[in-house]
C-alpha cells in the first residue's frame, strides 16, 4: 500500500509550493558522465556539383579545355597536311627571279614589283586558306555537333552540348551560333577567343562561355 502511495505521489508531481528541479545528469567520481552521441561534422566538405537546368551535372573547365584541345589538334593536323605544300609551292612559284638564269647577272626588281607579283598574291592565297579553314571548322563543329551534340573531343571526354531549356532539342541554328561566336568572332576580334573560353570560370551557376550564352546551350557530363 505504501508503494502505491509513493507511485501516485511521484505521478502527481512535486508538492504544491516546492520548486521544480531539473533532472540531475548521471554522475561519476570525476564529474558528470560523458554523453555519447553522433560526432560533430568537422573538416572541409566539397562544394555541390553544379547542375544544368535539367538536373544533369555540368562539365568542368578542365574537361572542356581538354576536349577543345583534342578537336583543334585534329583540325590543325589536317590543315597542316593541306596548307604547308600549298604555301611552299606558292612561295617558290611567285618568288621573283633575282638572278638572270641565262646571263647569271642580278636582275633589277623594284619594290613595287615585289609587292604586286609576290606579297599580294601570297597574301590572297593565305586569306583563301583561312576561309577554307573556317569552312572546315563549320562542318566539324556545326554539322557534327548538330547530329549528336558531340565532336570527337567531346566524345572522348564524355561531355555533350545540350539546350539550356530542359527538354529542348539542339538545332543547327544553335550550333551555328556557337561557331560564329567562338571561331569567326574569335578570329576577327583580338583576344576575344580567350575571353570567350575563360568566361565559364566566373559564370554562375551554369558555367557558360559567351558562345554558350548566345546559343542558349550548356555543356554537361554524360554517363560513361
N, C-alpha and C. Protein backbone atom coordinates (compact mmCIF):
# COMPACT_ATOMS: atom_id res chain seq x y z
N UNK A 1 0.83 -1.20 0.00
CA UNK A 1 0.00 0.00 0.00
C UNK A 1 0.86 1.25 0.00
N UNK A 2 1.95 1.19 0.76
CA UNK A 2 2.86 2.35 0.81
C UNK A 2 3.50 2.61 -0.55
N UNK A 3 3.88 1.52 -1.24
CA UNK A 3 4.49 1.67 -2.58
C UNK A 3 3.52 2.30 -3.55
N UNK A 4 2.26 1.94 -3.46
CA UNK A 4 1.25 2.52 -4.36
C UNK A 4 1.10 3.99 -4.10
N UNK A 5 1.12 4.38 -2.81
CA UNK A 5 1.00 5.81 -2.50
C UNK A 5 2.18 6.60 -3.02
N UNK A 6 3.39 5.99 -2.87
CA UNK A 6 4.58 6.68 -3.38
C UNK A 6 4.51 6.86 -4.89
N UNK A 7 4.04 5.84 -5.60
CA UNK A 7 3.93 5.95 -7.07
C UNK A 7 2.93 7.01 -7.44
N UNK A 8 1.83 7.11 -6.74
CA UNK A 8 0.83 8.12 -7.05
C UNK A 8 1.37 9.50 -6.79
N UNK A 9 2.15 9.66 -5.71
CA UNK A 9 2.72 10.98 -5.39
C UNK A 9 3.73 11.39 -6.45
N UNK A 10 4.51 10.42 -6.95
CA UNK A 10 5.50 10.74 -7.99
C UNK A 10 4.81 11.14 -9.27
N UNK A 11 3.70 10.47 -9.60
CA UNK A 11 2.98 10.80 -10.82
C UNK A 11 2.33 12.16 -10.73
N UNK A 12 1.89 12.55 -9.51
CA UNK A 12 1.21 13.83 -9.35
C UNK A 12 2.17 15.00 -9.40
N UNK A 13 3.51 14.74 -9.31
CA UNK A 13 4.49 15.82 -9.36
C UNK A 13 4.87 16.26 -7.97
N UNK A 14 5.72 17.27 -7.85
CA UNK A 14 6.18 17.73 -6.54
C UNK A 14 5.05 18.37 -5.78
N UNK A 15 5.15 18.39 -4.45
CA UNK A 15 4.10 19.03 -3.64
C UNK A 15 3.96 20.49 -4.00
N UNK A 16 2.77 20.97 -3.86
CA UNK A 16 2.49 22.38 -4.18
C UNK A 16 3.35 23.29 -3.33
N UNK A 17 3.97 24.29 -4.00
CA UNK A 17 4.79 25.26 -3.30
C UNK A 17 6.26 24.95 -3.35
N UNK A 18 6.67 23.73 -3.75
CA UNK A 18 8.08 23.41 -3.86
C UNK A 18 8.57 23.69 -5.28
N UNK A 19 9.81 24.19 -5.44
CA UNK A 19 10.34 24.46 -6.80
C UNK A 19 10.55 23.18 -7.59
N UNK A 20 10.39 23.32 -8.89
CA UNK A 20 10.62 22.18 -9.80
C UNK A 20 12.10 22.12 -10.12
N UNK A 21 12.70 20.99 -9.86
CA UNK A 21 14.14 20.84 -10.12
C UNK A 21 14.36 20.01 -11.39
N UNK A 22 15.36 20.47 -12.16
CA UNK A 22 15.70 19.71 -13.37
C UNK A 22 16.36 18.40 -12.99
N UNK A 23 16.19 17.40 -13.82
CA UNK A 23 16.83 16.11 -13.51
C UNK A 23 18.35 16.26 -13.50
N UNK A 24 18.97 15.62 -12.57
CA UNK A 24 20.43 15.67 -12.44
C UNK A 24 21.03 14.63 -13.36
N UNK A 25 22.01 15.02 -14.22
CA UNK A 25 22.62 14.03 -15.11
C UNK A 25 23.40 13.00 -14.32
N UNK A 26 23.62 11.84 -14.89
CA UNK A 26 24.39 10.81 -14.19
C UNK A 26 25.76 11.34 -13.80
N UNK A 27 26.20 10.98 -12.59
CA UNK A 27 27.46 11.46 -12.06
C UNK A 27 28.46 10.31 -11.96
N UNK A 28 29.72 10.68 -12.07
CA UNK A 28 30.83 9.75 -11.84
C UNK A 28 31.69 10.35 -10.75
N UNK A 29 32.64 9.60 -10.18
CA UNK A 29 33.54 10.19 -9.17
C UNK A 29 34.32 11.39 -9.70
N UNK A 30 34.40 11.55 -11.04
CA UNK A 30 35.20 12.63 -11.61
C UNK A 30 34.33 13.71 -12.24
N UNK A 31 33.02 13.66 -12.06
CA UNK A 31 32.16 14.66 -12.62
C UNK A 31 31.03 14.03 -13.40
N UNK A 32 30.30 14.84 -14.19
CA UNK A 32 29.19 14.30 -14.97
C UNK A 32 29.65 13.22 -15.93
N UNK A 33 28.80 12.23 -16.13
CA UNK A 33 29.13 11.16 -17.07
C UNK A 33 29.17 11.72 -18.49
N UNK A 34 30.12 11.26 -19.29
CA UNK A 34 30.19 11.76 -20.69
C UNK A 34 28.97 11.35 -21.48
N UNK A 35 28.62 12.24 -22.43
CA UNK A 35 27.47 11.97 -23.30
C UNK A 35 27.96 11.52 -24.66
N UNK A 36 27.51 10.36 -25.09
CA UNK A 36 27.91 9.82 -26.37
C UNK A 36 26.77 9.99 -27.37
N UNK A 37 27.03 10.74 -28.40
CA UNK A 37 26.05 10.94 -29.45
C UNK A 37 26.74 10.95 -30.81
N UNK A 38 26.07 11.34 -31.85
CA UNK A 38 26.71 11.41 -33.17
C UNK A 38 27.82 12.44 -33.17
N UNK A 39 28.99 12.13 -33.75
CA UNK A 39 30.12 13.06 -33.72
C UNK A 39 29.81 14.30 -34.54
N UNK A 40 30.31 15.46 -34.10
CA UNK A 40 30.12 16.67 -34.91
C UNK A 40 30.87 16.58 -36.23
N UNK A 41 30.39 17.30 -37.21
CA UNK A 41 30.99 17.28 -38.54
C UNK A 41 32.09 18.33 -38.61
N UNK A 42 33.31 17.86 -38.78
CA UNK A 42 34.45 18.76 -38.89
C UNK A 42 35.09 18.60 -40.27
N UNK A 43 35.97 19.54 -40.61
CA UNK A 43 36.76 19.43 -41.84
C UNK A 43 36.08 20.03 -43.05
N UNK A 44 36.81 19.99 -44.18
CA UNK A 44 36.36 20.59 -45.44
C UNK A 44 35.41 19.66 -46.16
N UNK A 45 34.33 20.20 -46.67
CA UNK A 45 33.40 19.42 -47.49
C UNK A 45 33.45 19.93 -48.92
N UNK A 46 33.47 19.05 -49.91
CA UNK A 46 33.48 19.52 -51.30
C UNK A 46 32.19 20.25 -51.64
N UNK A 47 32.29 21.29 -52.46
CA UNK A 47 31.07 22.01 -52.84
C UNK A 47 30.16 21.12 -53.68
N UNK A 48 28.88 21.40 -53.70
CA UNK A 48 27.98 20.58 -54.51
C UNK A 48 28.31 20.69 -55.99
N UNK A 49 28.05 19.62 -56.72
CA UNK A 49 28.33 19.58 -58.16
C UNK A 49 27.36 20.53 -58.88
N UNK A 50 27.88 21.46 -59.71
CA UNK A 50 26.97 22.35 -60.45
C UNK A 50 26.10 21.55 -61.41
N UNK A 51 24.85 21.92 -61.50
CA UNK A 51 23.89 21.18 -62.32
C UNK A 51 23.32 22.07 -63.41
N UNK A 52 23.00 21.45 -64.54
CA UNK A 52 22.30 22.13 -65.62
C UNK A 52 20.85 22.34 -65.23
N UNK A 53 20.11 23.16 -65.97
CA UNK A 53 18.69 23.37 -65.62
C UNK A 53 17.87 22.08 -65.57
N UNK A 54 18.28 21.06 -66.33
CA UNK A 54 17.52 19.80 -66.28
C UNK A 54 18.03 18.84 -65.20
N UNK A 55 18.98 19.28 -64.36
CA UNK A 55 19.45 18.47 -63.25
C UNK A 55 20.66 17.61 -63.52
N UNK A 56 21.17 17.60 -64.75
CA UNK A 56 22.35 16.81 -65.06
C UNK A 56 23.62 17.59 -64.71
N UNK A 57 24.72 16.89 -64.31
CA UNK A 57 25.94 17.59 -63.89
C UNK A 57 26.61 18.32 -65.05
N UNK A 58 27.11 19.52 -64.78
CA UNK A 58 27.79 20.31 -65.80
C UNK A 58 29.24 19.84 -65.97
N UNK A 59 29.75 20.02 -67.18
CA UNK A 59 31.16 19.71 -67.44
C UNK A 59 32.04 20.79 -66.82
N UNK A 60 33.14 20.40 -66.22
CA UNK A 60 34.05 21.36 -65.59
C UNK A 60 34.99 21.96 -66.63
N UNK A 61 35.69 23.01 -66.22
CA UNK A 61 36.57 23.75 -67.13
C UNK A 61 37.67 22.87 -67.71
N UNK A 62 38.33 22.07 -66.85
CA UNK A 62 39.42 21.23 -67.32
C UNK A 62 39.00 20.23 -68.38
N UNK A 63 37.84 19.62 -68.17
CA UNK A 63 37.35 18.65 -69.15
C UNK A 63 37.01 19.33 -70.47
N UNK A 64 36.38 20.48 -70.41
CA UNK A 64 36.05 21.21 -71.64
C UNK A 64 37.31 21.66 -72.36
N UNK A 65 38.32 22.08 -71.61
CA UNK A 65 39.57 22.51 -72.24
C UNK A 65 40.26 21.36 -72.96
N UNK A 66 40.33 20.20 -72.31
CA UNK A 66 40.95 19.04 -72.96
C UNK A 66 40.17 18.64 -74.22
N UNK A 67 38.86 18.69 -74.15
CA UNK A 67 38.04 18.38 -75.32
C UNK A 67 38.35 19.34 -76.46
N UNK A 68 38.46 20.62 -76.14
CA UNK A 68 38.75 21.62 -77.16
C UNK A 68 40.15 21.41 -77.77
N UNK A 69 41.11 21.09 -76.93
CA UNK A 69 42.47 20.85 -77.43
C UNK A 69 42.52 19.64 -78.35
N UNK A 70 41.76 18.61 -78.04
CA UNK A 70 41.70 17.43 -78.91
C UNK A 70 41.12 17.81 -80.27
N UNK A 71 40.02 18.55 -80.26
CA UNK A 71 39.38 18.95 -81.51
C UNK A 71 40.29 19.82 -82.36
N UNK A 72 40.89 20.84 -81.75
CA UNK A 72 41.74 21.74 -82.51
C UNK A 72 43.02 21.05 -83.00
N UNK A 73 43.52 20.08 -82.24
CA UNK A 73 44.69 19.32 -82.68
C UNK A 73 44.36 18.51 -83.93
N UNK A 74 43.19 17.90 -83.95
CA UNK A 74 42.78 17.13 -85.12
C UNK A 74 42.68 18.03 -86.35
N UNK A 75 42.01 19.17 -86.20
CA UNK A 75 41.83 20.07 -87.34
C UNK A 75 43.14 20.73 -87.75
N UNK A 76 44.00 21.05 -86.79
CA UNK A 76 45.30 21.64 -87.13
C UNK A 76 46.16 20.66 -87.90
N UNK A 77 46.14 19.40 -87.50
CA UNK A 77 46.91 18.39 -88.22
C UNK A 77 46.45 18.25 -89.67
N UNK A 78 45.13 18.23 -89.87
CA UNK A 78 44.60 18.15 -91.24
C UNK A 78 44.99 19.40 -92.04
N UNK A 79 44.89 20.57 -91.40
CA UNK A 79 45.22 21.81 -92.09
C UNK A 79 46.70 21.85 -92.48
N UNK A 80 47.57 21.38 -91.62
CA UNK A 80 48.99 21.39 -91.94
C UNK A 80 49.30 20.52 -93.14
N UNK A 81 48.66 19.37 -93.21
CA UNK A 81 48.89 18.47 -94.35
C UNK A 81 48.48 19.13 -95.66
N UNK A 82 47.41 19.92 -95.62
CA UNK A 82 46.91 20.55 -96.84
C UNK A 82 47.61 21.87 -97.13
N UNK A 83 47.80 22.69 -96.11
CA UNK A 83 48.23 24.07 -96.33
C UNK A 83 49.73 24.21 -96.55
N UNK A 84 50.55 23.44 -95.86
CA UNK A 84 52.01 23.61 -95.97
C UNK A 84 52.49 23.41 -97.41
N UNK A 85 52.09 22.35 -98.10
CA UNK A 85 52.53 22.23 -99.50
C UNK A 85 52.04 23.39 -100.38
N UNK A 86 50.82 23.88 -100.12
CA UNK A 86 50.30 24.99 -100.92
C UNK A 86 51.12 26.25 -100.70
N UNK A 87 51.44 26.56 -99.43
CA UNK A 87 52.20 27.77 -99.13
C UNK A 87 53.61 27.69 -99.72
N UNK A 88 54.27 26.56 -99.55
CA UNK A 88 55.63 26.43 -100.09
C UNK A 88 55.62 26.47 -101.61
N UNK A 89 54.64 25.81 -102.23
CA UNK A 89 54.54 25.84 -103.69
C UNK A 89 54.32 27.25 -104.21
N UNK A 90 53.42 27.99 -103.56
CA UNK A 90 53.15 29.36 -103.97
C UNK A 90 54.38 30.23 -103.75
N UNK A 91 55.12 30.00 -102.70
CA UNK A 91 56.31 30.80 -102.41
C UNK A 91 57.34 30.66 -103.53
N UNK A 92 57.60 29.43 -103.94
CA UNK A 92 58.62 29.23 -104.98
C UNK A 92 58.14 29.66 -106.36
N UNK A 93 56.84 29.56 -106.62
CA UNK A 93 56.32 29.99 -107.92
C UNK A 93 56.30 31.51 -108.04
N UNK A 94 55.92 32.17 -106.97
CA UNK A 94 55.76 33.62 -107.02
C UNK A 94 57.06 34.37 -106.74
N UNK A 95 58.02 33.72 -106.13
CA UNK A 95 59.26 34.41 -105.80
C UNK A 95 59.91 34.96 -107.06
N UNK A 96 60.19 36.26 -107.13
CA UNK A 96 60.79 36.84 -108.34
C UNK A 96 62.23 36.35 -108.53
N UNK A 97 62.61 36.23 -109.78
CA UNK A 97 63.98 35.81 -110.11
C UNK A 97 64.94 36.97 -109.86
N UNK A 98 65.80 36.79 -108.89
CA UNK A 98 66.77 37.83 -108.58
C UNK A 98 68.04 37.71 -109.41
N UNK A 99 68.18 36.58 -110.07
CA UNK A 99 69.35 36.36 -110.93
C UNK A 99 68.87 35.88 -112.29
N UNK A 100 69.38 36.48 -113.34
CA UNK A 100 69.02 36.08 -114.71
C UNK A 100 69.58 34.69 -114.96
N UNK A 101 68.73 33.69 -115.28
CA UNK A 101 69.23 32.33 -115.46
C UNK A 101 70.14 32.17 -116.67
N UNK A 102 70.09 33.10 -117.64
CA UNK A 102 70.89 32.99 -118.87
C UNK A 102 72.26 33.63 -118.67
N UNK A 103 72.24 34.87 -118.22
CA UNK A 103 73.50 35.61 -118.08
C UNK A 103 74.14 35.43 -116.71
N UNK A 104 73.35 35.06 -115.71
CA UNK A 104 73.89 34.92 -114.37
C UNK A 104 74.08 36.23 -113.66
N UNK A 105 73.58 37.29 -114.23
CA UNK A 105 73.70 38.60 -113.59
C UNK A 105 72.44 38.91 -112.80
N UNK A 106 72.60 39.82 -111.81
CA UNK A 106 71.46 40.18 -110.98
C UNK A 106 70.45 40.97 -111.79
N UNK A 107 69.19 40.68 -111.57
CA UNK A 107 68.12 41.40 -112.26
C UNK A 107 67.67 42.58 -111.41
N UNK A 108 67.17 43.56 -112.08
CA UNK A 108 66.67 44.74 -111.37
C UNK A 108 65.18 44.55 -111.11
N UNK A 109 64.83 44.37 -109.85
CA UNK A 109 63.44 44.18 -109.43
C UNK A 109 63.10 45.31 -108.48
N UNK A 110 62.06 46.04 -108.80
CA UNK A 110 61.65 47.15 -107.95
C UNK A 110 60.79 46.65 -106.79
N UNK A 111 60.66 47.51 -105.77
CA UNK A 111 59.84 47.15 -104.61
C UNK A 111 58.38 46.98 -105.00
N UNK A 112 57.91 47.82 -105.92
CA UNK A 112 56.52 47.70 -106.35
C UNK A 112 56.26 46.38 -107.04
N UNK A 113 57.23 45.90 -107.80
CA UNK A 113 57.07 44.61 -108.49
C UNK A 113 57.05 43.46 -107.48
N UNK A 114 57.88 43.57 -106.44
CA UNK A 114 57.89 42.52 -105.42
C UNK A 114 56.55 42.45 -104.70
N UNK A 115 55.98 43.63 -104.37
CA UNK A 115 54.68 43.66 -103.69
C UNK A 115 53.58 43.14 -104.59
N UNK A 116 53.57 43.58 -105.85
CA UNK A 116 52.48 43.22 -106.77
C UNK A 116 52.58 41.77 -107.22
N UNK A 117 53.81 41.28 -107.42
CA UNK A 117 53.97 39.93 -108.00
C UNK A 117 54.23 38.84 -106.97
N UNK A 118 54.55 39.24 -105.73
CA UNK A 118 54.88 38.22 -104.73
C UNK A 118 54.02 38.33 -103.47
N UNK A 119 54.14 39.44 -102.75
CA UNK A 119 53.46 39.54 -101.46
C UNK A 119 51.95 39.58 -101.60
N UNK A 120 51.42 40.33 -102.54
CA UNK A 120 49.97 40.41 -102.69
C UNK A 120 49.35 39.07 -103.07
N UNK A 121 49.88 38.37 -104.10
CA UNK A 121 49.30 37.04 -104.39
C UNK A 121 49.44 36.06 -103.23
N UNK A 122 50.58 36.12 -102.50
CA UNK A 122 50.77 35.22 -101.37
C UNK A 122 49.77 35.53 -100.26
N UNK A 123 49.50 36.82 -100.04
CA UNK A 123 48.51 37.21 -99.04
C UNK A 123 47.12 36.73 -99.41
N UNK A 124 46.77 36.83 -100.68
CA UNK A 124 45.46 36.35 -101.13
C UNK A 124 45.34 34.84 -100.96
N UNK A 125 46.41 34.13 -101.21
CA UNK A 125 46.39 32.68 -101.03
C UNK A 125 46.18 32.34 -99.56
N UNK A 126 46.87 33.04 -98.67
CA UNK A 126 46.70 32.79 -97.23
C UNK A 126 45.29 33.12 -96.78
N UNK A 127 44.71 34.20 -97.31
CA UNK A 127 43.33 34.55 -96.97
C UNK A 127 42.38 33.45 -97.43
N UNK A 128 42.62 32.92 -98.62
CA UNK A 128 41.79 31.81 -99.10
C UNK A 128 41.91 30.59 -98.21
N UNK A 129 43.12 30.33 -97.72
CA UNK A 129 43.31 29.17 -96.84
C UNK A 129 42.58 29.37 -95.51
N UNK A 130 42.56 30.61 -95.01
CA UNK A 130 41.82 30.90 -93.78
C UNK A 130 40.33 30.63 -93.99
N UNK A 131 39.80 31.05 -95.13
CA UNK A 131 38.38 30.81 -95.41
C UNK A 131 38.09 29.31 -95.53
N UNK A 132 39.02 28.58 -96.14
CA UNK A 132 38.86 27.12 -96.22
C UNK A 132 38.88 26.51 -94.82
N UNK A 133 39.77 27.03 -93.97
CA UNK A 133 39.85 26.51 -92.60
C UNK A 133 38.56 26.78 -91.83
N UNK A 134 37.99 27.98 -91.98
CA UNK A 134 36.73 28.29 -91.29
C UNK A 134 35.59 27.41 -91.82
N UNK A 135 35.62 27.11 -93.12
CA UNK A 135 34.61 26.21 -93.67
C UNK A 135 34.75 24.80 -93.07
N UNK A 136 36.00 24.36 -92.92
CA UNK A 136 36.22 23.05 -92.29
C UNK A 136 35.77 23.04 -90.84
N UNK A 137 36.03 24.14 -90.13
CA UNK A 137 35.56 24.24 -88.75
C UNK A 137 34.03 24.21 -88.68
N UNK A 138 33.39 24.84 -89.67
CA UNK A 138 31.92 24.84 -89.68
C UNK A 138 31.40 23.41 -89.80
N UNK A 139 31.96 22.66 -90.73
CA UNK A 139 31.49 21.28 -90.92
C UNK A 139 31.73 20.46 -89.65
N UNK A 140 32.89 20.66 -89.06
CA UNK A 140 33.25 19.85 -87.89
C UNK A 140 32.44 20.24 -86.66
N UNK A 141 32.36 21.55 -86.37
CA UNK A 141 31.76 21.98 -85.12
C UNK A 141 30.26 22.23 -85.21
N UNK A 142 29.71 22.38 -86.41
CA UNK A 142 28.28 22.63 -86.53
C UNK A 142 27.55 21.35 -86.95
N UNK A 143 27.94 20.80 -88.08
CA UNK A 143 27.21 19.64 -88.58
C UNK A 143 27.37 18.42 -87.67
N UNK A 144 28.58 18.20 -87.18
CA UNK A 144 28.79 17.05 -86.30
C UNK A 144 28.07 17.24 -84.96
N UNK A 145 28.16 18.45 -84.41
CA UNK A 145 27.52 18.70 -83.13
C UNK A 145 25.99 18.72 -83.26
N UNK A 146 25.50 19.20 -84.40
CA UNK A 146 24.05 19.23 -84.61
C UNK A 146 23.45 17.83 -84.58
N UNK A 147 24.20 16.85 -85.06
CA UNK A 147 23.67 15.50 -85.12
C UNK A 147 23.67 14.80 -83.75
N UNK A 148 24.70 15.04 -82.95
CA UNK A 148 24.80 14.28 -81.69
C UNK A 148 25.08 15.14 -80.46
N UNK A 149 25.37 16.43 -80.68
CA UNK A 149 25.75 17.27 -79.55
C UNK A 149 27.20 17.09 -79.15
N UNK A 150 27.96 16.30 -79.93
CA UNK A 150 29.34 16.00 -79.57
C UNK A 150 30.26 16.06 -80.78
N UNK A 151 31.47 16.54 -80.56
CA UNK A 151 32.56 16.39 -81.51
C UNK A 151 33.40 15.19 -81.06
N UNK A 152 34.47 14.89 -81.78
CA UNK A 152 35.31 13.76 -81.38
C UNK A 152 35.93 14.02 -80.00
N UNK A 153 36.37 15.25 -79.78
CA UNK A 153 36.95 15.58 -78.47
C UNK A 153 35.94 15.44 -77.35
N UNK A 154 34.71 15.88 -77.59
CA UNK A 154 33.68 15.77 -76.56
C UNK A 154 33.30 14.31 -76.31
N UNK A 155 33.30 13.50 -77.34
CA UNK A 155 33.01 12.08 -77.13
C UNK A 155 34.09 11.42 -76.27
N UNK A 156 35.35 11.76 -76.55
CA UNK A 156 36.44 11.17 -75.78
C UNK A 156 36.39 11.62 -74.31
N UNK A 157 36.00 12.85 -74.08
CA UNK A 157 35.96 13.38 -72.71
C UNK A 157 34.59 13.19 -72.06
N UNK A 158 33.67 12.56 -72.78
CA UNK A 158 32.34 12.22 -72.24
C UNK A 158 31.57 13.46 -71.77
N UNK A 159 31.50 14.45 -72.65
CA UNK A 159 30.68 15.64 -72.39
C UNK A 159 29.83 15.90 -73.63
N UNK A 160 28.82 16.75 -73.47
CA UNK A 160 27.86 16.95 -74.54
C UNK A 160 27.24 18.33 -74.44
N UNK A 161 26.95 18.92 -75.61
CA UNK A 161 26.26 20.21 -75.66
C UNK A 161 24.76 19.95 -75.73
N UNK A 162 24.01 20.60 -74.85
CA UNK A 162 22.55 20.46 -74.84
C UNK A 162 21.92 21.84 -74.73
N UNK A 163 20.67 22.00 -75.15
CA UNK A 163 20.00 23.29 -74.98
C UNK A 163 19.85 23.67 -73.52
N UNK A 164 19.85 24.96 -73.26
CA UNK A 164 19.67 25.46 -71.90
C UNK A 164 18.27 25.10 -71.37
N UNK A 165 17.28 25.17 -72.24
CA UNK A 165 15.91 24.87 -71.84
C UNK A 165 15.72 23.37 -71.71
N UNK A 166 15.31 22.88 -70.57
CA UNK A 166 15.12 21.43 -70.40
C UNK A 166 14.11 20.87 -71.40
N UNK A 167 14.46 19.74 -71.98
CA UNK A 167 13.56 19.06 -72.91
C UNK A 167 13.66 19.54 -74.34
N UNK A 168 14.38 20.64 -74.60
CA UNK A 168 14.50 21.15 -75.97
C UNK A 168 15.52 20.32 -76.75
N UNK A 169 15.49 20.46 -78.07
CA UNK A 169 16.39 19.74 -78.96
C UNK A 169 17.43 20.69 -79.53
N UNK A 170 18.67 20.25 -79.57
CA UNK A 170 19.74 21.07 -80.14
C UNK A 170 19.52 21.23 -81.64
N UNK A 171 19.49 22.45 -82.12
CA UNK A 171 19.23 22.73 -83.52
C UNK A 171 20.52 23.14 -84.23
N UNK A 172 20.46 23.12 -85.56
CA UNK A 172 21.59 23.57 -86.35
C UNK A 172 21.86 25.06 -86.10
N UNK A 173 20.80 25.82 -85.88
CA UNK A 173 20.97 27.24 -85.60
C UNK A 173 21.75 27.47 -84.31
N UNK A 174 21.47 26.68 -83.26
CA UNK A 174 22.23 26.81 -82.01
C UNK A 174 23.70 26.49 -82.23
N UNK A 175 23.96 25.40 -82.95
CA UNK A 175 25.34 25.02 -83.22
C UNK A 175 26.04 26.08 -84.06
N UNK A 176 25.33 26.68 -85.02
CA UNK A 176 25.92 27.72 -85.86
C UNK A 176 26.23 28.98 -85.05
N UNK A 177 25.38 29.34 -84.10
CA UNK A 177 25.66 30.50 -83.25
C UNK A 177 26.91 30.27 -82.41
N UNK A 178 27.04 29.07 -81.87
CA UNK A 178 28.26 28.75 -81.12
C UNK A 178 29.49 28.92 -82.00
N UNK A 179 29.42 28.43 -83.22
CA UNK A 179 30.54 28.51 -84.16
C UNK A 179 30.86 29.96 -84.51
N UNK A 180 29.85 30.77 -84.78
CA UNK A 180 30.09 32.17 -85.17
C UNK A 180 30.76 32.95 -84.06
N UNK A 181 30.33 32.75 -82.82
CA UNK A 181 30.91 33.49 -81.71
C UNK A 181 32.30 32.96 -81.38
N UNK A 182 32.44 31.65 -81.32
CA UNK A 182 33.71 31.07 -80.87
C UNK A 182 34.81 31.22 -81.90
N UNK A 183 34.53 30.98 -83.17
CA UNK A 183 35.59 30.92 -84.16
C UNK A 183 35.63 32.13 -85.09
N UNK A 184 34.49 32.56 -85.62
CA UNK A 184 34.51 33.71 -86.53
C UNK A 184 34.84 34.99 -85.75
N UNK A 185 34.06 35.25 -84.68
CA UNK A 185 34.37 36.43 -83.87
C UNK A 185 35.72 36.29 -83.19
N UNK A 186 36.08 35.08 -82.78
CA UNK A 186 37.38 34.86 -82.16
C UNK A 186 38.54 35.08 -83.10
N UNK A 187 38.32 34.89 -84.41
CA UNK A 187 39.37 35.13 -85.40
C UNK A 187 39.49 36.61 -85.74
N UNK A 188 38.36 37.31 -85.77
CA UNK A 188 38.35 38.71 -86.19
C UNK A 188 38.71 39.66 -85.06
N UNK A 189 38.17 39.43 -83.86
CA UNK A 189 38.36 40.34 -82.73
C UNK A 189 39.56 39.88 -81.91
N UNK A 190 40.57 40.73 -81.72
CA UNK A 190 41.74 40.32 -80.94
C UNK A 190 41.37 39.95 -79.50
N UNK A 191 41.93 38.84 -79.03
CA UNK A 191 41.79 38.34 -77.66
C UNK A 191 40.38 37.86 -77.32
N UNK A 192 39.42 38.04 -78.21
CA UNK A 192 38.06 37.60 -77.89
C UNK A 192 37.99 36.09 -77.72
N UNK A 193 38.79 35.37 -78.47
CA UNK A 193 38.81 33.90 -78.41
C UNK A 193 39.11 33.43 -76.98
N UNK A 194 40.06 34.10 -76.32
CA UNK A 194 40.44 33.70 -74.97
C UNK A 194 39.41 34.16 -73.93
N UNK A 195 38.89 35.36 -74.10
CA UNK A 195 37.86 35.84 -73.18
C UNK A 195 36.64 34.93 -73.23
N UNK A 196 36.26 34.53 -74.43
CA UNK A 196 35.11 33.64 -74.60
C UNK A 196 35.32 32.32 -73.88
N UNK A 197 36.49 31.72 -74.06
CA UNK A 197 36.74 30.42 -73.44
C UNK A 197 36.87 30.47 -71.93
N UNK A 198 37.44 31.57 -71.41
CA UNK A 198 37.64 31.69 -69.96
C UNK A 198 36.39 32.16 -69.23
N UNK A 199 35.40 32.63 -69.95
CA UNK A 199 34.21 33.18 -69.32
C UNK A 199 33.53 32.19 -68.38
N UNK A 200 33.63 30.92 -68.70
CA UNK A 200 32.96 29.90 -67.88
C UNK A 200 33.52 29.81 -66.46
N UNK A 201 34.74 30.33 -66.25
CA UNK A 201 35.34 30.22 -64.92
C UNK A 201 34.61 31.06 -63.88
N UNK A 202 34.04 32.18 -64.30
CA UNK A 202 33.34 33.04 -63.33
C UNK A 202 31.84 33.12 -63.61
N UNK A 203 31.36 32.42 -64.60
CA UNK A 203 29.92 32.44 -64.86
C UNK A 203 29.21 31.48 -63.91
N UNK A 204 28.22 32.00 -63.21
CA UNK A 204 27.47 31.20 -62.25
C UNK A 204 25.97 31.34 -62.54
N UNK A 205 25.19 30.28 -62.38
CA UNK A 205 25.60 28.97 -61.85
C UNK A 205 25.85 27.92 -62.93
N UNK A 206 25.78 28.30 -64.22
CA UNK A 206 25.78 27.28 -65.27
C UNK A 206 27.08 27.17 -66.04
N UNK A 207 28.12 27.93 -65.65
CA UNK A 207 29.45 27.79 -66.22
C UNK A 207 29.43 27.88 -67.75
N UNK A 208 28.76 28.89 -68.26
CA UNK A 208 28.64 29.07 -69.70
C UNK A 208 29.75 29.96 -70.24
N UNK A 209 30.19 29.66 -71.45
CA UNK A 209 31.04 30.57 -72.20
C UNK A 209 30.14 31.59 -72.89
N UNK A 210 30.74 32.56 -73.57
CA UNK A 210 29.93 33.54 -74.29
C UNK A 210 29.19 32.88 -75.44
N UNK A 211 29.84 31.93 -76.13
CA UNK A 211 29.11 31.27 -77.22
C UNK A 211 28.00 30.37 -76.69
N UNK A 212 28.12 29.88 -75.46
CA UNK A 212 27.01 29.17 -74.83
C UNK A 212 25.83 30.11 -74.59
N UNK A 213 26.13 31.30 -74.08
CA UNK A 213 25.07 32.24 -73.76
C UNK A 213 24.32 32.69 -75.01
N UNK A 214 25.06 32.98 -76.08
CA UNK A 214 24.41 33.42 -77.31
C UNK A 214 23.54 32.31 -77.90
N UNK A 215 24.06 31.08 -77.88
CA UNK A 215 23.33 29.95 -78.45
C UNK A 215 22.32 29.34 -77.49
N UNK A 216 22.32 29.79 -76.22
CA UNK A 216 21.42 29.24 -75.20
C UNK A 216 21.66 27.73 -75.02
N UNK A 217 22.92 27.40 -74.75
CA UNK A 217 23.32 26.00 -74.52
C UNK A 217 24.14 25.89 -73.25
N UNK A 218 24.26 24.68 -72.75
CA UNK A 218 25.17 24.35 -71.67
C UNK A 218 25.89 23.05 -72.04
N UNK A 219 26.99 22.78 -71.36
CA UNK A 219 27.77 21.55 -71.63
C UNK A 219 27.68 20.67 -70.39
N UNK A 220 27.24 19.44 -70.58
CA UNK A 220 27.02 18.53 -69.45
C UNK A 220 27.93 17.32 -69.57
N UNK A 221 28.06 16.60 -68.45
CA UNK A 221 28.73 15.31 -68.47
C UNK A 221 27.74 14.24 -68.86
N UNK A 222 28.22 13.22 -69.57
CA UNK A 222 27.36 12.10 -69.94
C UNK A 222 27.90 10.85 -69.27
N UNK A 223 27.02 9.90 -69.09
CA UNK A 223 27.41 8.65 -68.43
C UNK A 223 28.42 7.90 -69.28
N UNK A 224 29.43 7.26 -68.66
CA UNK A 224 30.41 6.50 -69.42
C UNK A 224 29.80 5.33 -70.14
